[in-house]
């Protein structure tokens, strides 16, 4: 029987070093101190973070699909838009003019209504204003306070 060749990969005479975890990423100590309070420590925070990541990814995907659809639509419909542009441009100008007219009319109507209400209510407030009633109410309230204070002072022991 022939002798077996030596096994260079597994030698029982050598001692193995203890295994230690391999760090795949290096985080500087100052950054680790900054991030330590923000590490999720409960399942609620972890679920919130996962929800944020998943919903952000879905919204990013929908944004990409929307932009792609718009670009493809412009590519395919540009010839049709150019051919029919003598029809679209006057219609567009008419629609913008009509909407501007409606908007300016609404603003003017609102301004006129505000000015009318401002001057009509201000005049009636000036005519109906009776400052003597306010002074009488204030004096009555203050006098009641003084009478209450006098009663309390008279009934207090050692006053």
C-alpha atoms as a PDB file:
ATOM      1  CA  UNK A   1       0.000   0.000   0.000  1.00  0.00           C
ATOM      2  CA  UNK A   2       1.287   3.372  -1.004  1.00  0.00           C
ATOM      3  CA  UNK A   3       1.793   6.203   1.431  1.00  0.00           C
ATOM      4  CA  UNK A   4      -0.662   9.046   1.335  1.00  0.00           C
ATOM      5  CA  UNK A   5       0.607  12.473   0.316  1.00  0.00           C
ATOM      6  CA  UNK A   6       0.816  15.016   3.132  1.00  0.00           C
ATOM      7  CA  UNK A   7      -2.275  17.208   3.689  1.00  0.00           C
ATOM      8  CA  UNK A   8      -1.039  20.786   3.738  1.00  0.00           C
ATOM      9  CA  UNK A   9      -4.503  22.267   4.414  1.00  0.00           C
ATOM     10  CA  UNK A  10      -5.270  20.395   7.623  1.00  0.00           C
ATOM     11  CA  UNK A  11      -2.353  19.832   9.934  1.00  0.00           C
ATOM     12  CA  UNK A  12      -3.127  18.630  13.440  1.00  0.00           C
ATOM     13  CA  UNK A  13       0.147  19.923  14.815  1.00  0.00           C
ATOM     14  CA  UNK A  14      -0.753  23.583  14.254  1.00  0.00           C
ATOM     15  CA  UNK A  15      -3.090  25.390  16.627  1.00  0.00           C
ATOM     16  CA  UNK A  16      -5.814  27.546  15.206  1.00  0.00           C
ATOM     17  CA  UNK A  17      -6.376  31.091  16.275  1.00  0.00           C
ATOM     18  CA  UNK A  18      -9.782  31.771  17.837  1.00  0.00           C
ATOM     19  CA  UNK A  19     -12.355  33.085  15.409  1.00  0.00           C
ATOM     20  CA  UNK A  20     -13.237  36.735  15.721  1.00  0.00           C
ATOM     21  CA  UNK A  21     -16.046  38.570  13.979  1.00  0.00           C
ATOM     22  CA  UNK A  22     -15.137  40.190  10.724  1.00  0.00           C
ATOM     23  CA  UNK A  23     -16.126  43.829  10.465  1.00  0.00           C
ATOM     24  CA  UNK A  24     -17.330  44.501   6.951  1.00  0.00           C
ATOM     25  CA  UNK A  25     -17.882  48.223   7.459  1.00  0.00           C
ATOM     26  CA  UNK A  26     -15.846  50.693   9.403  1.00  0.00           C
ATOM     27  CA  UNK A  27     -17.711  53.385  11.310  1.00  0.00           C
ATOM     28  CA  UNK A  28     -15.540  56.096  12.836  1.00  0.00           C
ATOM     29  CA  UNK A  29     -15.973  56.538  16.559  1.00  0.00           C
ATOM     30  CA  UNK A  30     -17.359  60.094  16.319  1.00  0.00           C
ATOM     31  CA  UNK A  31     -19.935  58.926  13.779  1.00  0.00           C
ATOM     32  CA  UNK A  32     -20.793  55.946  15.949  1.00  0.00           C
ATOM     33  CA  UNK A  33     -21.401  58.302  18.889  1.00  0.00           C
ATOM     34  CA  UNK A  34     -23.667  60.473  16.723  1.00  0.00           C
ATOM     35  CA  UNK A  35     -25.658  57.531  15.382  1.00  0.00           C
ATOM     36  CA  UNK A  36     -25.932  55.560  18.628  1.00  0.00           C
ATOM     37  CA  UNK A  37     -29.017  57.413  19.971  1.00  0.00           C
ATOM     38  CA  UNK A  38     -30.783  56.980  16.628  1.00  0.00           C
ATOM     39  CA  UNK A  39     -30.421  53.214  16.397  1.00  0.00           C
ATOM     40  CA  UNK A  40     -33.895  51.665  16.613  1.00  0.00           C
ATOM     41  CA  UNK A  41     -34.299  50.036  20.012  1.00  0.00           C
ATOM     42  CA  UNK A  42     -37.868  48.827  19.764  1.00  0.00           C
ATOM     43  CA  UNK A  43     -40.025  46.990  17.311  1.00  0.00           C
ATOM     44  CA  UNK A  44     -42.172  50.110  16.770  1.00  0.00           C
ATOM     45  CA  UNK A  45     -39.212  52.138  15.608  1.00  0.00           C
ATOM     46  CA  UNK A  46     -38.046  49.293  13.392  1.00  0.00           C
ATOM     47  CA  UNK A  47     -41.490  48.910  11.841  1.00  0.00           C
ATOM     48  CA  UNK A  48     -41.674  52.670  11.292  1.00  0.00           C
ATOM     49  CA  UNK A  49     -38.297  52.623   9.576  1.00  0.00           C
ATOM     50  CA  UNK A  50     -39.302  49.666   7.396  1.00  0.00           C
ATOM     51  CA  UNK A  51     -42.567  51.405   6.504  1.00  0.00           C
ATOM     52  CA  UNK A  52     -40.631  54.526   5.546  1.00  0.00           C
ATOM     53  CA  UNK A  53     -38.203  52.565   3.373  1.00  0.00           C
ATOM     54  CA  UNK A  54     -40.919  50.524   1.661  1.00  0.00           C
ATOM     55  CA  UNK A  55     -43.262  53.473   1.006  1.00  0.00           C
ATOM     56  CA  UNK A  56     -40.327  55.601  -0.191  1.00  0.00           C
ATOM     57  CA  UNK A  57     -39.285  52.839  -2.586  1.00  0.00           C
ATOM     58  CA  UNK A  58     -42.824  52.491  -3.928  1.00  0.00           C
ATOM     59  CA  UNK A  59     -43.126  56.246  -4.448  1.00  0.00           C
ATOM     60  CA  UNK A  60     -39.740  56.341  -6.165  1.00  0.00           C
ATOM     61  CA  UNK A  61     -40.839  53.506  -8.463  1.00  0.00           C
ATOM     62  CA  UNK A  62     -44.109  55.289  -9.291  1.00  0.00           C
ATOM     63  CA  UNK A  63     -42.194  58.506 -10.009  1.00  0.00           C
ATOM     64  CA  UNK A  64     -39.925  56.660 -12.413  1.00  0.00           C
ATOM     65  CA  UNK A  65     -42.888  55.052 -14.171  1.00  0.00           C
ATOM     66  CA  UNK A  66     -44.614  58.448 -14.479  1.00  0.00           C
ATOM     67  CA  UNK A  67     -41.549  60.161 -15.941  1.00  0.00           C
ATOM     68  CA  UNK A  68     -40.990  57.281 -18.360  1.00  0.00           C
ATOM     69  CA  UNK A  69     -44.635  57.411 -19.490  1.00  0.00           C
ATOM     70  CA  UNK A  70     -44.473  61.174 -20.042  1.00  0.00           C
ATOM     71  CA  UNK A  71     -41.282  60.928 -22.092  1.00  0.00           C
ATOM     72  CA  UNK A  72     -42.616  58.041 -24.204  1.00  0.00           C
ATOM     73  CA  UNK A  73     -45.902  59.906 -24.728  1.00  0.00           C
ATOM     74  CA  UNK A  74     -44.042  62.987 -25.930  1.00  0.00           C
ATOM     75  CA  UNK A  75     -41.913  60.861 -28.264  1.00  0.00           C
ATOM     76  CA  UNK A  76     -44.910  59.138 -29.818  1.00  0.00           C
ATOM     77  CA  UNK A  77     -47.334  62.068 -29.931  1.00  0.00           C
ATOM     78  CA  UNK A  78     -44.970  64.872 -31.001  1.00  0.00           C
ATOM     79  CA  UNK A  79     -45.649  64.324 -34.733  1.00  0.00           C
ATOM     80  CA  UNK A  80     -49.414  64.436 -34.123  1.00  0.00           C
ATOM     81  CA  UNK A  81     -49.062  67.575 -32.001  1.00  0.00           C
ATOM     82  CA  UNK A  82     -46.941  69.288 -34.661  1.00  0.00           C
ATOM     83  CA  UNK A  83     -49.322  68.397 -37.477  1.00  0.00           C
ATOM     84  CA  UNK A  84     -52.388  69.638 -35.589  1.00  0.00           C
ATOM     85  CA  UNK A  85     -50.693  72.679 -33.994  1.00  0.00           C
ATOM     86  CA  UNK A  86     -52.557  75.209 -36.207  1.00  0.00           C
ATOM     87  CA  UNK A  87     -55.714  74.020 -34.439  1.00  0.00           C
ATOM     88  CA  UNK A  88     -54.314  73.710 -30.882  1.00  0.00           C
ATOM     89  CA  UNK A  89     -52.577  77.083 -30.586  1.00  0.00           C
ATOM     90  CA  UNK A  90     -55.687  79.289 -31.156  1.00  0.00           C
ATOM     91  CA  UNK A  91     -57.736  77.024 -28.871  1.00  0.00           C
ATOM     92  CA  UNK A  92     -55.066  77.262 -26.181  1.00  0.00           C
ATOM     93  CA  UNK A  93     -54.905  81.057 -26.444  1.00  0.00           C
ATOM     94  CA  UNK A  94     -58.710  81.314 -26.259  1.00  0.00           C
ATOM     95  CA  UNK A  95     -58.884  79.031 -23.217  1.00  0.00           C
ATOM     96  CA  UNK A  96     -56.131  80.955 -21.382  1.00  0.00           C
ATOM     97  CA  UNK A  97     -57.863  84.266 -22.156  1.00  0.00           C
ATOM     98  CA  UNK A  98     -61.239  83.002 -20.924  1.00  0.00           C
ATOM     99  CA  UNK A  99     -59.785  81.592 -17.691  1.00  0.00           C
ATOM    100  CA  UNK A 100     -57.837  84.815 -17.079  1.00  0.00           C
ATOM    101  CA  UNK A 101     -60.998  86.853 -17.603  1.00  0.00           C
ATOM    102  CA  UNK A 102     -62.911  84.697 -15.101  1.00  0.00           C
ATOM    103  CA  UNK A 103     -60.093  84.919 -12.550  1.00  0.00           C
ATOM    104  CA  UNK A 104     -59.728  88.697 -12.822  1.00  0.00           C
ATOM    105  CA  UNK A 105     -63.514  89.087 -12.626  1.00  0.00           C
ATOM    106  CA  UNK A 106     -63.661  87.005  -9.430  1.00  0.00           C
ATOM    107  CA  UNK A 107     -60.840  89.059  -7.870  1.00  0.00           C
ATOM    108  CA  UNK A 108     -62.538  92.334  -8.818  1.00  0.00           C
ATOM    109  CA  UNK A 109     -65.884  91.146  -7.427  1.00  0.00           C
ATOM    110  CA  UNK A 110     -64.224  90.090  -4.177  1.00  0.00           C
ATOM    111  CA  UNK A 111     -62.426  93.429  -3.863  1.00  0.00           C
ATOM    112  CA  UNK A 112     -65.589  95.435  -4.458  1.00  0.00           C
ATOM    113  CA  UNK A 113     -67.514  93.307  -1.950  1.00  0.00           C
ATOM    114  CA  UNK A 114     -64.782  93.733   0.672  1.00  0.00           C
ATOM    115  CA  UNK A 115     -64.638  97.513   0.189  1.00  0.00           C
ATOM    116  CA  UNK A 116     -68.448  97.799   0.428  1.00  0.00           C
ATOM    117  CA  UNK A 117     -68.575  95.697   3.621  1.00  0.00           C
ATOM    118  CA  UNK A 118     -65.648  97.570   5.129  1.00  0.00           C
ATOM    119  CA  UNK A 119     -67.158 101.019   4.676  1.00  0.00           C
ATOM    120  CA  UNK A 120     -70.771 100.047   5.425  1.00  0.00           C
ATOM    121  CA  UNK A 121     -69.969  98.227   8.679  1.00  0.00           C
ATOM    122  CA  UNK A 122     -67.427 100.829   9.781  1.00  0.00           C
ATOM    123  CA  UNK A 123     -69.929 103.666   9.424  1.00  0.00           C
ATOM    124  CA  UNK A 124     -72.584 101.802  11.386  1.00  0.00           C
ATOM    125  CA  UNK A 125     -70.052 100.914  14.098  1.00  0.00           C
ATOM    126  CA  UNK A 126     -69.039 104.559  14.464  1.00  0.00           C
ATOM    127  CA  UNK A 127     -72.656 105.739  14.606  1.00  0.00           C
ATOM    128  CA  UNK A 128     -73.752 103.094  17.120  1.00  0.00           C
ATOM    129  CA  UNK A 129     -70.723 103.330  19.357  1.00  0.00           C
ATOM    130  CA  UNK A 130     -71.480 104.490  22.880  1.00  0.00           C
ATOM    131  CA  UNK A 131     -68.313 104.854  24.889  1.00  0.00           C
ATOM    132  CA  UNK A 132     -70.116 105.947  28.046  1.00  0.00           C
ATOM    133  CA  UNK A 133     -71.657 102.479  28.391  1.00  0.00           C
ATOM    134  CA  UNK A 134     -68.221 100.888  28.349  1.00  0.00           C
ATOM    135  CA  UNK A 135     -66.930 103.287  30.986  1.00  0.00           C
ATOM    136  CA  UNK A 136     -69.995 102.645  33.152  1.00  0.00           C
ATOM    137  CA  UNK A 137     -69.571  98.867  32.851  1.00  0.00           C
ATOM    138  CA  UNK A 138     -65.893  99.132  33.739  1.00  0.00           C
ATOM    139  CA  UNK A 139     -66.596 101.397  36.723  1.00  0.00           C
ATOM    140  CA  UNK A 140     -69.396  99.131  37.912  1.00  0.00           C
ATOM    141  CA  UNK A 141     -67.102  96.110  37.756  1.00  0.00           C
ATOM    142  CA  UNK A 142     -64.217  97.912  39.410  1.00  0.00           C
ATOM    143  CA  UNK A 143     -66.497  99.372  42.075  1.00  0.00           C
ATOM    144  CA  UNK A 144     -67.853  95.917  42.820  1.00  0.00           C
ATOM    145  CA  UNK A 145     -64.291  94.729  43.258  1.00  0.00           C
ATOM    146  CA  UNK A 146     -63.547  97.589  45.647  1.00  0.00           C
ATOM    147  CA  UNK A 147     -66.691  96.878  47.672  1.00  0.00           C
ATOM    148  CA  UNK A 148     -65.754  93.187  47.885  1.00  0.00           C
ATOM    149  CA  UNK A 149     -62.240  94.144  48.981  1.00  0.00           C
ATOM    150  CA  UNK A 150     -63.630  96.507  51.650  1.00  0.00           C
ATOM    151  CA  UNK A 151     -65.947  93.788  53.018  1.00  0.00           C
ATOM    152  CA  UNK A 152     -63.058  91.303  53.132  1.00  0.00           C
ATOM    153  CA  UNK A 153     -60.818  93.841  54.867  1.00  0.00           C
ATOM    154  CA  UNK A 154     -63.475  94.659  57.475  1.00  0.00           C
ATOM    155  CA  UNK A 155     -64.137  91.015  58.306  1.00  0.00           C
ATOM    156  CA  UNK A 156     -60.504  89.913  58.351  1.00  0.00           C
ATOM    157  CA  UNK A 157     -59.085  89.322  61.828  1.00  0.00           C
ATOM    158  CA  UNK A 158     -56.626  91.953  62.958  1.00  0.00           C
ATOM    159  CA  UNK A 159     -57.541  94.456  60.252  1.00  0.00           C
END
